[in-house]
Amino acid sequence: MIIRGSSLTKEKKVDFKGGKGEFTIGYLFKDESRESGTTKIMVVELPPESSIGYHQHVDDEEIYYILSGKGLANDNGSITEIRPGDVMITRKGEYHGMENHSKETLVFLAIINKV
């Protein structure tokens, strides 16, 4: 299967999971009917001063791969600055959040796997 980047379905999120501000998700792949395996692949564009609230992954895991920009990752209560090339993995039962504290848009690939 080939999925063209030009076919991205974009969606706006506001105050997501208790975060602040608005950001955009571009879905490269979305199949929420899957019982296991990859259910979503997304390109997330998080503008300055926006965030994804701290939340738990109950039935899935999520991987962030940072493409551009910088941000503050909350990885199970530990705050760390992330940069391009960094990967953040949130396993089933764990918590995470993301904040863009910089002056440029933070762009990352997000992959959600049902487990």
N, C-alpha and C. Protein backbone atom coordinates (compact mmCIF):
# COMPACT_ATOMS: atom_id res chain seq x y z
N MET A 1 0.85 -1.18 0.00
CA MET A 1 0.00 0.00 0.00
C MET A 1 0.90 1.24 0.00
N ILE A 2 0.56 2.19 -0.82
CA ILE A 2 1.25 3.49 -0.88
C ILE A 2 0.23 4.55 -0.47
N ILE A 3 0.63 5.41 0.45
CA ILE A 3 -0.23 6.52 0.86
C ILE A 3 0.51 7.80 0.55
N ARG A 4 -0.05 8.62 -0.29
CA ARG A 4 0.57 9.87 -0.70
C ARG A 4 0.41 10.95 0.37
N GLY A 5 1.50 11.66 0.64
CA GLY A 5 1.45 12.76 1.60
C GLY A 5 0.45 13.82 1.21
N SER A 6 0.20 13.95 -0.10
CA SER A 6 -0.75 14.95 -0.58
C SER A 6 -2.20 14.60 -0.22
N SER A 7 -2.42 13.36 0.24
CA SER A 7 -3.79 12.94 0.58
C SER A 7 -4.09 13.11 2.08
N LEU A 8 -3.22 13.82 2.80
CA LEU A 8 -3.41 14.02 4.23
C LEU A 8 -4.79 14.60 4.54
N THR A 9 -5.49 13.98 5.46
CA THR A 9 -6.74 14.53 5.98
C THR A 9 -6.38 15.29 7.24
N LYS A 10 -6.57 16.62 7.23
CA LYS A 10 -6.18 17.44 8.37
C LYS A 10 -7.36 17.72 9.28
N GLU A 11 -7.03 17.80 10.57
CA GLU A 11 -8.03 18.03 11.59
C GLU A 11 -7.45 18.97 12.64
N LYS A 12 -8.25 19.93 13.09
CA LYS A 12 -7.83 20.85 14.16
C LYS A 12 -8.25 20.27 15.50
N LYS A 13 -7.38 20.43 16.49
CA LYS A 13 -7.68 20.03 17.86
C LYS A 13 -7.52 21.27 18.74
N VAL A 14 -8.43 21.45 19.69
CA VAL A 14 -8.39 22.60 20.59
C VAL A 14 -8.38 22.10 22.04
N ASP A 15 -7.44 22.62 22.84
CA ASP A 15 -7.34 22.25 24.26
C ASP A 15 -7.37 20.73 24.44
N PHE A 16 -6.63 20.01 23.61
CA PHE A 16 -6.64 18.55 23.53
C PHE A 16 -6.10 17.91 24.81
N LYS A 17 -6.87 17.00 25.38
CA LYS A 17 -6.49 16.25 26.58
C LYS A 17 -6.11 17.18 27.74
N GLY A 18 -6.75 18.35 27.78
CA GLY A 18 -6.45 19.31 28.84
C GLY A 18 -5.28 20.24 28.52
N GLY A 19 -4.76 20.15 27.30
CA GLY A 19 -3.68 21.04 26.87
C GLY A 19 -4.24 22.42 26.57
N LYS A 20 -3.37 23.28 26.02
CA LYS A 20 -3.83 24.64 25.72
C LYS A 20 -3.58 24.95 24.25
N GLY A 21 -4.46 25.75 23.69
CA GLY A 21 -4.30 26.21 22.31
C GLY A 21 -4.83 25.22 21.29
N GLU A 22 -4.50 25.54 20.05
CA GLU A 22 -4.98 24.78 18.90
C GLU A 22 -3.81 24.23 18.12
N PHE A 23 -3.96 23.03 17.58
CA PHE A 23 -2.93 22.45 16.72
C PHE A 23 -3.58 21.61 15.62
N THR A 24 -2.77 21.18 14.67
CA THR A 24 -3.27 20.43 13.51
C THR A 24 -2.68 19.03 13.48
N ILE A 25 -3.55 18.07 13.17
CA ILE A 25 -3.13 16.69 12.94
C ILE A 25 -3.43 16.37 11.49
N GLY A 26 -2.44 15.84 10.78
CA GLY A 26 -2.64 15.34 9.42
C GLY A 26 -2.56 13.83 9.45
N TYR A 27 -3.65 13.16 9.13
CA TYR A 27 -3.68 11.70 9.17
C TYR A 27 -3.13 11.10 7.89
N LEU A 28 -2.02 10.37 8.02
CA LEU A 28 -1.49 9.60 6.90
C LEU A 28 -2.19 8.25 6.82
N PHE A 29 -2.54 7.71 7.99
CA PHE A 29 -3.21 6.41 8.07
C PHE A 29 -4.10 6.43 9.30
N LYS A 30 -5.33 5.92 9.15
CA LYS A 30 -6.26 5.89 10.28
C LYS A 30 -7.17 4.69 10.11
N ASP A 31 -7.04 3.72 11.00
CA ASP A 31 -7.89 2.52 10.97
C ASP A 31 -8.18 2.12 12.41
N GLU A 32 -9.15 2.78 13.03
CA GLU A 32 -9.45 2.54 14.44
C GLU A 32 -10.17 1.21 14.67
N SER A 33 -10.53 0.50 13.59
CA SER A 33 -11.22 -0.78 13.74
C SER A 33 -10.25 -1.93 14.01
N ARG A 34 -8.95 -1.68 13.88
CA ARG A 34 -7.95 -2.73 14.08
C ARG A 34 -7.91 -3.17 15.53
N GLU A 35 -7.81 -4.49 15.75
CA GLU A 35 -7.72 -5.02 17.11
C GLU A 35 -6.31 -4.91 17.65
N SER A 36 -5.30 -4.96 16.79
CA SER A 36 -3.92 -4.80 17.22
C SER A 36 -3.11 -4.26 16.05
N GLY A 37 -1.93 -3.73 16.36
CA GLY A 37 -1.08 -3.16 15.32
C GLY A 37 -1.30 -1.67 15.16
N THR A 38 -0.70 -1.10 14.12
CA THR A 38 -0.77 0.34 13.90
C THR A 38 -2.19 0.75 13.52
N THR A 39 -2.73 1.70 14.27
CA THR A 39 -4.07 2.21 13.97
C THR A 39 -4.05 3.62 13.41
N LYS A 40 -2.99 4.40 13.74
CA LYS A 40 -2.92 5.77 13.23
C LYS A 40 -1.46 6.16 13.00
N ILE A 41 -1.23 6.86 11.92
CA ILE A 41 0.04 7.53 11.66
C ILE A 41 -0.31 8.97 11.32
N MET A 42 0.25 9.92 12.10
CA MET A 42 -0.15 11.31 11.97
C MET A 42 1.06 12.23 11.93
N VAL A 43 0.90 13.34 11.22
CA VAL A 43 1.87 14.44 11.29
C VAL A 43 1.21 15.51 12.15
N VAL A 44 1.85 15.84 13.26
CA VAL A 44 1.30 16.82 14.21
C VAL A 44 2.08 18.12 14.09
N GLU A 45 1.37 19.24 13.95
CA GLU A 45 1.96 20.57 13.90
C GLU A 45 1.47 21.34 15.12
N LEU A 46 2.37 21.52 16.08
CA LEU A 46 2.05 22.15 17.36
C LEU A 46 2.66 23.55 17.38
N PRO A 47 1.84 24.60 17.23
CA PRO A 47 2.38 25.97 17.19
C PRO A 47 2.94 26.41 18.54
N PRO A 48 3.70 27.51 18.54
CA PRO A 48 4.22 28.06 19.79
C PRO A 48 3.10 28.29 20.81
N GLU A 49 3.43 28.02 22.07
CA GLU A 49 2.53 28.22 23.21
C GLU A 49 1.33 27.28 23.23
N SER A 50 1.36 26.21 22.41
CA SER A 50 0.30 25.20 22.43
C SER A 50 0.82 23.94 23.10
N SER A 51 -0.11 23.10 23.55
CA SER A 51 0.32 21.86 24.19
C SER A 51 -0.72 20.75 24.02
N ILE A 52 -0.24 19.53 24.20
CA ILE A 52 -1.08 18.34 24.29
C ILE A 52 -1.04 17.97 25.78
N GLY A 53 -2.21 17.92 26.40
CA GLY A 53 -2.26 17.68 27.84
C GLY A 53 -1.71 16.33 28.26
N TYR A 54 -1.29 16.26 29.48
CA TYR A 54 -0.73 15.05 30.09
C TYR A 54 -1.85 14.02 30.21
N HIS A 55 -1.66 12.84 29.62
CA HIS A 55 -2.70 11.82 29.61
C HIS A 55 -2.10 10.42 29.57
N GLN A 56 -2.93 9.44 29.90
CA GLN A 56 -2.51 8.04 29.93
C GLN A 56 -2.95 7.31 28.67
N HIS A 57 -2.12 6.35 28.25
CA HIS A 57 -2.48 5.44 27.16
C HIS A 57 -2.90 4.12 27.78
N VAL A 58 -4.19 3.82 27.69
CA VAL A 58 -4.77 2.67 28.36
C VAL A 58 -4.73 1.41 27.50
N ASP A 59 -5.14 1.51 26.24
CA ASP A 59 -5.23 0.34 25.36
C ASP A 59 -4.27 0.39 24.18
N ASP A 60 -3.37 1.34 24.20
CA ASP A 60 -2.46 1.48 23.07
C ASP A 60 -1.13 2.07 23.52
N GLU A 61 -0.21 2.21 22.59
CA GLU A 61 1.05 2.89 22.85
C GLU A 61 1.25 3.91 21.74
N GLU A 62 2.08 4.93 22.01
CA GLU A 62 2.29 5.99 21.02
C GLU A 62 3.77 6.32 20.94
N ILE A 63 4.20 6.54 19.72
CA ILE A 63 5.60 6.90 19.45
C ILE A 63 5.59 8.26 18.77
N TYR A 64 6.41 9.19 19.27
CA TYR A 64 6.62 10.49 18.63
C TYR A 64 8.03 10.50 18.05
N TYR A 65 8.14 10.94 16.80
CA TYR A 65 9.44 11.16 16.17
C TYR A 65 9.49 12.63 15.78
N ILE A 66 10.39 13.40 16.39
CA ILE A 66 10.43 14.84 16.19
C ILE A 66 11.09 15.17 14.86
N LEU A 67 10.37 15.91 14.02
CA LEU A 67 10.85 16.29 12.68
C LEU A 67 11.50 17.67 12.68
N SER A 68 10.85 18.65 13.34
CA SER A 68 11.41 20.01 13.39
C SER A 68 10.85 20.74 14.60
N GLY A 69 11.60 21.76 15.03
CA GLY A 69 11.21 22.54 16.19
C GLY A 69 11.73 21.91 17.47
N LYS A 70 11.33 22.52 18.59
CA LYS A 70 11.70 22.02 19.92
C LYS A 70 10.47 22.06 20.81
N GLY A 71 10.50 21.25 21.86
CA GLY A 71 9.40 21.25 22.79
C GLY A 71 9.80 20.66 24.12
N LEU A 72 8.86 20.68 25.04
CA LEU A 72 9.05 20.04 26.34
C LEU A 72 8.16 18.81 26.39
N ALA A 73 8.81 17.64 26.50
CA ALA A 73 8.09 16.37 26.59
C ALA A 73 7.90 16.01 28.06
N ASN A 74 6.68 15.66 28.42
CA ASN A 74 6.40 15.16 29.76
C ASN A 74 6.27 13.65 29.62
N ASP A 75 7.29 12.94 30.06
CA ASP A 75 7.37 11.49 29.94
C ASP A 75 7.20 10.88 31.33
N ASN A 76 5.96 10.51 31.66
CA ASN A 76 5.64 9.93 32.97
C ASN A 76 6.08 10.83 34.12
N GLY A 77 5.88 12.14 33.95
CA GLY A 77 6.19 13.11 35.00
C GLY A 77 7.57 13.71 34.92
N SER A 78 8.41 13.21 34.02
CA SER A 78 9.75 13.75 33.83
C SER A 78 9.76 14.68 32.62
N ILE A 79 10.10 15.95 32.82
CA ILE A 79 10.09 16.95 31.75
C ILE A 79 11.48 17.02 31.11
N THR A 80 11.52 16.88 29.77
CA THR A 80 12.77 16.89 29.02
C THR A 80 12.57 17.67 27.73
N GLU A 81 13.54 18.51 27.36
CA GLU A 81 13.47 19.19 26.07
C GLU A 81 13.76 18.19 24.96
N ILE A 82 12.95 18.26 23.90
CA ILE A 82 13.15 17.37 22.75
C ILE A 82 13.45 18.21 21.51
N ARG A 83 14.19 17.60 20.58
CA ARG A 83 14.65 18.27 19.35
C ARG A 83 14.51 17.32 18.17
N PRO A 84 14.71 17.82 16.95
CA PRO A 84 14.63 16.95 15.77
C PRO A 84 15.52 15.72 15.90
N GLY A 85 14.95 14.59 15.51
CA GLY A 85 15.66 13.31 15.58
C GLY A 85 15.38 12.54 16.85
N ASP A 86 14.80 13.21 17.88
CA ASP A 86 14.48 12.52 19.13
C ASP A 86 13.20 11.69 18.97
N VAL A 87 13.13 10.62 19.73
CA VAL A 87 11.96 9.73 19.74
C VAL A 87 11.46 9.62 21.18
N MET A 88 10.15 9.70 21.34
CA MET A 88 9.52 9.50 22.65
C MET A 88 8.55 8.34 22.52
N ILE A 89 8.68 7.34 23.38
CA ILE A 89 7.83 6.16 23.34
C ILE A 89 7.00 6.11 24.62
N THR A 90 5.68 6.02 24.46
CA THR A 90 4.76 5.91 25.59
C THR A 90 4.07 4.56 25.49
N ARG A 91 4.43 3.65 26.36
CA ARG A 91 3.87 2.29 26.36
C ARG A 91 2.49 2.26 27.00
N LYS A 92 1.79 1.18 26.80
CA LYS A 92 0.47 0.96 27.40
C LYS A 92 0.57 1.15 28.91
N GLY A 93 -0.33 1.97 29.47
CA GLY A 93 -0.36 2.24 30.90
C GLY A 93 0.46 3.45 31.32
N GLU A 94 1.32 3.95 30.42
CA GLU A 94 2.15 5.10 30.74
C GLU A 94 1.45 6.41 30.37
N TYR A 95 2.08 7.52 30.80
CA TYR A 95 1.54 8.86 30.60
C TYR A 95 2.51 9.71 29.80
N HIS A 96 1.96 10.69 29.07
CA HIS A 96 2.81 11.68 28.40
C HIS A 96 2.01 12.93 28.05
N GLY A 97 2.76 13.97 27.69
CA GLY A 97 2.20 15.23 27.21
C GLY A 97 3.30 15.95 26.46
N MET A 98 2.94 17.01 25.74
CA MET A 98 3.92 17.74 24.93
C MET A 98 3.55 19.22 24.93
N GLU A 99 4.56 20.07 25.10
CA GLU A 99 4.35 21.52 25.07
C GLU A 99 5.38 22.16 24.13
N ASN A 100 4.90 23.09 23.31
CA ASN A 100 5.82 23.85 22.46
C ASN A 100 6.15 25.15 23.19
N HIS A 101 7.34 25.24 23.73
CA HIS A 101 7.78 26.42 24.48
C HIS A 101 8.68 27.32 23.62
N SER A 102 8.84 26.97 22.34
CA SER A 102 9.73 27.73 21.45
C SER A 102 8.94 28.73 20.61
N LYS A 103 9.63 29.42 19.73
CA LYS A 103 9.00 30.42 18.86
C LYS A 103 8.69 29.89 17.47
N GLU A 104 8.97 28.59 17.23
CA GLU A 104 8.68 27.98 15.93
C GLU A 104 7.76 26.78 16.13
N THR A 105 7.06 26.40 15.08
CA THR A 105 6.15 25.27 15.15
C THR A 105 6.93 23.97 15.38
N LEU A 106 6.43 23.17 16.31
CA LEU A 106 6.99 21.84 16.59
C LEU A 106 6.23 20.85 15.71
N VAL A 107 6.97 20.11 14.88
CA VAL A 107 6.36 19.14 13.97
C VAL A 107 6.90 17.76 14.30
N PHE A 108 5.99 16.80 14.48
CA PHE A 108 6.43 15.44 14.77
C PHE A 108 5.47 14.41 14.17
N LEU A 109 6.02 13.23 13.93
CA LEU A 109 5.26 12.09 13.47
C LEU A 109 4.77 11.36 14.71
N ALA A 110 3.50 11.01 14.75
CA ALA A 110 2.92 10.26 15.86
C ALA A 110 2.36 8.96 15.32
N ILE A 111 2.73 7.85 15.95
CA ILE A 111 2.27 6.53 15.53
C ILE A 111 1.60 5.88 16.73
N ILE A 112 0.34 5.49 16.56
CA ILE A 112 -0.39 4.83 17.64
C ILE A 112 -0.60 3.36 17.27
N ASN A 113 -0.20 2.49 18.19
CA ASN A 113 -0.35 1.05 18.01
C ASN A 113 -1.27 0.49 19.08
N LYS A 114 -2.30 -0.26 18.66
CA LYS A 114 -3.15 -0.99 19.62
C LYS A 114 -2.35 -2.18 20.11
N VAL A 115 -2.42 -2.44 21.40
CA VAL A 115 -1.69 -3.58 21.97
C VAL A 115 -2.63 -4.44 22.83
